[in-house]
C-alpha atoms as a PDB file:
ATOM      1  CA  MET A   1      75.723 141.070 109.692  1.00  0.00           C
ATOM      2  CA  ARG A   2      78.177 138.303 110.862  1.00  0.00           C
ATOM      3  CA  ALA A   3      76.229 135.571 112.292  1.00  0.00           C
ATOM      4  CA  VAL A   4      76.864 132.116 113.803  1.00  0.00           C
ATOM      5  CA  ILE A   5      74.602 129.321 115.023  1.00  0.00           C
ATOM      6  CA  TYR A   6      74.402 127.300 118.067  1.00  0.00           C
ATOM      7  CA  THR A   7      72.832 123.557 118.089  1.00  0.00           C
ATOM      8  CA  ARG A   8      72.540 121.448 120.907  1.00  0.00           C
ATOM      9  CA  VAL A   9      70.914 117.723 121.919  1.00  0.00           C
ATOM     10  CA  SER A  10      70.922 116.824 125.119  1.00  0.00           C
ATOM     11  CA  THR A  11      71.047 112.899 125.180  1.00  0.00           C
ATOM     12  CA  GLN A  12      72.959 110.226 122.864  1.00  0.00           C
ATOM     13  CA  GLY A  13      69.628 109.036 122.058  1.00  0.00           C
ATOM     14  CA  GLN A  14      68.120 112.034 120.057  1.00  0.00           C
ATOM     15  CA  ARG A  15      68.164 111.810 116.437  1.00  0.00           C
ATOM     16  CA  GLU A  16      71.884 112.630 114.747  1.00  0.00           C
ATOM     17  CA  THR A  17      69.913 114.522 112.239  1.00  0.00           C
ATOM     18  CA  SER A  18      68.384 116.952 115.051  1.00  0.00           C
ATOM     19  CA  HIS A  19      71.611 119.453 115.084  1.00  0.00           C
ATOM     20  CA  ASP A  20      71.197 119.431 110.810  1.00  0.00           C
ATOM     21  CA  ASP A  21      67.377 120.604 111.418  1.00  0.00           C
ATOM     22  CA  GLN A  22      68.317 123.115 113.928  1.00  0.00           C
ATOM     23  CA  ALA A  23      70.909 124.404 111.769  1.00  0.00           C
ATOM     24  CA  ARG A  24      68.857 124.259 108.639  1.00  0.00           C
ATOM     25  CA  ASN A  25      66.197 126.194 110.449  1.00  0.00           C
ATOM     26  CA  CYS A  26      68.623 128.834 111.291  1.00  0.00           C
ATOM     27  CA  GLU A  27      70.511 129.129 108.333  1.00  0.00           C
ATOM     28  CA  GLN A  28      67.341 129.569 106.510  1.00  0.00           C
ATOM     29  CA  ARG A  29      66.302 132.517 108.843  1.00  0.00           C
ATOM     30  CA  ALA A  30      69.811 133.880 108.227  1.00  0.00           C
ATOM     31  CA  ALA A  31      69.287 133.733 104.339  1.00  0.00           C
ATOM     32  CA  ARG A  32      65.880 135.727 104.645  1.00  0.00           C
ATOM     33  CA  GLU A  33      67.968 138.188 106.865  1.00  0.00           C
ATOM     34  CA  GLY A  34      70.840 138.598 104.374  1.00  0.00           C
ATOM     35  CA  TRP A  35      73.185 137.129 107.301  1.00  0.00           C
ATOM     36  CA  ALA A  36      76.534 135.532 106.435  1.00  0.00           C
ATOM     37  CA  VAL A  37      76.820 132.835 108.844  1.00  0.00           C
ATOM     38  CA  GLY A  38      80.435 131.940 109.880  1.00  0.00           C
ATOM     39  CA  GLN A  39      80.740 129.540 112.595  1.00  0.00           C
ATOM     40  CA  ARG A  40      78.417 126.795 113.803  1.00  0.00           C
ATOM     41  CA  TYR A  41      78.539 125.769 117.476  1.00  0.00           C
ATOM     42  CA  THR A  42      77.660 122.191 118.616  1.00  0.00           C
ATOM     43  CA  ASP A  43      77.112 120.424 121.670  1.00  0.00           C
ATOM     44  CA  HIS A  44      76.139 116.672 121.616  1.00  0.00           C
ATOM     45  CA  GLY A  45      74.731 114.787 124.446  1.00  0.00           C
ATOM     46  CA  ILE A  46      75.188 117.534 126.935  1.00  0.00           C
ATOM     47  CA  SER A  47      72.307 118.665 128.981  1.00  0.00           C
ATOM     48  CA  GLY A  48      71.115 122.623 128.504  1.00  0.00           C
ATOM     49  CA  SER A  49      70.920 122.678 132.346  1.00  0.00           C
ATOM     50  CA  LYS A  50      74.937 122.455 132.349  1.00  0.00           C
ATOM     51  CA  ARG A  51      76.759 125.672 131.735  1.00  0.00           C
ATOM     52  CA  ASP A  52      80.155 124.149 130.831  1.00  0.00           C
ATOM     53  CA  ARG A  53      79.422 122.981 127.596  1.00  0.00           C
ATOM     54  CA  PRO A  54      82.264 123.435 125.538  1.00  0.00           C
ATOM     55  CA  ALA A  55      80.804 124.811 122.289  1.00  0.00           C
ATOM     56  CA  TYR A  56      78.585 126.745 124.693  1.00  0.00           C
ATOM     57  CA  GLN A  57      81.450 128.502 126.142  1.00  0.00           C
ATOM     58  CA  ARG A  58      83.585 128.947 123.023  1.00  0.00           C
ATOM     59  CA  MET A  59      80.534 130.824 121.475  1.00  0.00           C
ATOM     60  CA  LEU A  60      80.242 133.038 124.624  1.00  0.00           C
ATOM     61  CA  ALA A  61      83.768 133.673 124.431  1.00  0.00           C
ATOM     62  CA  ASP A  62      83.840 134.382 121.023  1.00  0.00           C
ATOM     63  CA  ALA A  63      80.520 136.948 121.310  1.00  0.00           C
ATOM     64  CA  ALA A  64      83.060 138.624 124.355  1.00  0.00           C
ATOM     65  CA  ALA A  65      85.900 138.946 121.608  1.00  0.00           C
ATOM     66  CA  GLY A  66      83.397 140.660 119.082  1.00  0.00           C
ATOM     67  CA  LYS A  67      83.611 137.766 116.428  1.00  0.00           C
ATOM     68  CA  PHE A  68      79.610 138.113 115.348  1.00  0.00           C
ATOM     69  CA  GLU A  69      76.812 140.198 115.634  1.00  0.00           C
ATOM     70  CA  ALA A  70      74.099 137.581 115.642  1.00  0.00           C
ATOM     71  CA  LEU A  71      73.209 134.424 117.336  1.00  0.00           C
ATOM     72  CA  LEU A  72      70.636 132.088 115.956  1.00  0.00           C
ATOM     73  CA  VAL A  73      69.353 129.019 117.720  1.00  0.00           C
ATOM     74  CA  ASP A  74      66.443 126.773 116.878  1.00  0.00           C
ATOM     75  CA  ASP A  75      64.703 127.327 119.893  1.00  0.00           C
ATOM     76  CA  LEU A  76      65.498 128.971 123.146  1.00  0.00           C
ATOM     77  CA  SER A  77      65.727 125.694 124.892  1.00  0.00           C
ATOM     78  CA  ARG A  78      68.393 124.888 122.615  1.00  0.00           C
ATOM     79  CA  PHE A  79      70.413 127.719 124.077  1.00  0.00           C
ATOM     80  CA  SER A  80      70.099 127.082 128.100  1.00  0.00           C
ATOM     81  CA  ARG A  81      67.153 124.976 129.879  1.00  0.00           C
ATOM     82  CA  ASP A  82      68.321 126.926 133.210  1.00  0.00           C
ATOM     83  CA  SER A  83      66.225 130.094 133.082  1.00  0.00           C
ATOM     84  CA  VAL A  84      68.449 132.245 135.221  1.00  0.00           C
ATOM     85  CA  GLU A  85      71.511 131.006 132.920  1.00  0.00           C
ATOM     86  CA  GLN A  86      69.602 131.804 130.006  1.00  0.00           C
ATOM     87  CA  GLU A  87      68.651 135.022 131.003  1.00  0.00           C
ATOM     88  CA  THR A  88      71.941 136.206 132.335  1.00  0.00           C
ATOM     89  CA  GLU A  89      73.640 134.979 128.974  1.00  0.00           C
ATOM     90  CA  ILE A  90      70.994 136.845 126.846  1.00  0.00           C
ATOM     91  CA  ARG A  91      71.186 140.153 128.731  1.00  0.00           C
ATOM     92  CA  ARG A  92      75.252 139.761 128.702  1.00  0.00           C
ATOM     93  CA  LEU A  93      74.982 139.219 124.769  1.00  0.00           C
ATOM     94  CA  GLU A  94      72.846 142.087 124.351  1.00  0.00           C
ATOM     95  CA  ARG A  95      75.169 144.418 126.163  1.00  0.00           C
ATOM     96  CA  ARG A  96      77.465 143.250 123.989  1.00  0.00           C
ATOM     97  CA  LYS A  97      75.387 144.044 120.718  1.00  0.00           C
ATOM     98  CA  VAL A  98      74.467 140.462 120.070  1.00  0.00           C
ATOM     99  CA  ARG A  99      71.128 140.026 118.384  1.00  0.00           C
ATOM    100  CA  VAL A 100      69.794 136.506 119.681  1.00  0.00           C
ATOM    101  CA  VAL A 101      67.281 134.953 117.657  1.00  0.00           C
ATOM    102  CA  GLY A 102      65.258 132.020 118.636  1.00  0.00           C
ATOM    103  CA  VAL A 103      63.796 130.789 115.002  1.00  0.00           C
ATOM    104  CA  SER A 104      61.091 128.510 116.136  1.00  0.00           C
ATOM    105  CA  ASP A 105      59.955 130.157 119.261  1.00  0.00           C
ATOM    106  CA  GLY A 106      60.028 133.307 117.778  1.00  0.00           C
ATOM    107  CA  TYR A 107      62.019 135.299 120.109  1.00  0.00           C
ATOM    108  CA  ASP A 108      64.075 138.074 119.085  1.00  0.00           C
ATOM    109  CA  SER A 109      66.060 140.260 121.106  1.00  0.00           C
ATOM    110  CA  THR A 110      65.574 143.515 119.353  1.00  0.00           C
ATOM    111  CA  SER A 111      61.833 142.974 119.966  1.00  0.00           C
END
């Protein structure tokens, strides 16, 4: 399965290693599943309540283009802090047959 990782930190004051920590958690999950991780999308210093995050928009466009089958985020709060946006986009991804996995929070769109 082709997988991608999305990481986000909302403020410049957060630890620089936070992206690496998030990605490492996602990569470990991908390894356990036997998934190949291709792209890593990263937004830094942008609130999860904003939809116009550059890497987030690239990830959604790539999902629409069928470039991957699984999206890993460390926690769904990294995906979006807006509950309506989160639900809408996760449903859209599911309709495109993209599995969404929140590694730390245990979310899995196939469950």
